[in-house]
Protein backbone atom coordinates (compact mmCIF):
# COMPACT_ATOMS: atom_id res chain seq x y z
CA UNK A 1 72.05 -78.21 -60.61
CA UNK A 2 70.86 -79.37 -64.04
CA UNK A 3 67.14 -79.03 -64.72
CA UNK A 4 65.12 -80.24 -67.71
CA UNK A 5 61.87 -78.47 -68.53
CA UNK A 6 59.36 -79.45 -71.20
CA UNK A 7 57.26 -76.68 -72.74
CA UNK A 8 53.76 -77.31 -74.14
CA UNK A 9 54.05 -74.64 -76.85
CA UNK A 10 56.76 -72.64 -78.59
CA UNK A 11 57.49 -69.08 -77.57
CA UNK A 12 59.64 -66.95 -75.35
CA UNK A 13 59.81 -67.68 -71.62
CA UNK A 14 61.15 -65.94 -68.53
CA UNK A 15 63.64 -68.01 -66.52
CA UNK A 16 64.03 -67.38 -62.81
CA UNK A 17 66.55 -69.17 -60.58
CA UNK A 18 66.50 -68.89 -56.79
CA UNK A 19 69.67 -69.84 -54.89
CA UNK A 20 70.24 -69.85 -51.15
CA UNK A 21 73.17 -67.83 -49.80
CA UNK A 22 74.36 -66.99 -46.29
CA UNK A 23 72.30 -63.79 -46.55
CA UNK A 24 69.14 -65.54 -47.73
CA UNK A 25 67.59 -66.09 -51.14
CA UNK A 26 69.18 -64.66 -54.27
CA UNK A 27 66.96 -64.50 -57.35
CA UNK A 28 68.46 -64.29 -60.83
CA UNK A 29 66.03 -63.56 -63.66
CA UNK A 30 66.57 -63.95 -67.42
CA UNK A 31 63.58 -62.52 -69.33
CA UNK A 32 62.39 -63.27 -72.88
CA UNK A 33 64.45 -66.41 -73.51
CA UNK A 34 63.70 -68.01 -76.86
CA UNK A 35 64.40 -71.75 -76.37
CA UNK A 36 64.68 -72.26 -80.15
CA UNK A 37 67.76 -70.03 -80.44
CA UNK A 38 69.86 -71.56 -77.65
CA UNK A 39 73.08 -73.12 -78.96
CA UNK A 40 72.96 -76.84 -78.18
CA UNK A 41 69.70 -76.26 -76.33
CA UNK A 42 71.52 -75.36 -73.10
CA UNK A 43 70.96 -72.22 -71.02
CA UNK A 44 73.43 -71.50 -68.21
CA UNK A 45 72.22 -69.10 -65.51
CA UNK A 46 74.89 -68.04 -63.03
CA UNK A 47 73.70 -66.67 -59.72
């Protein structure tokens, strides 16, 4: 599911994605993401 997020200031962020599975919630965390260094400004998080 594509999501667009606007940030008020520059800096690293932690990205957390929660997906529902047959066994319940599955949380995938990507710490210290620098939005300025993402190629094409796209971050793909696979759960």
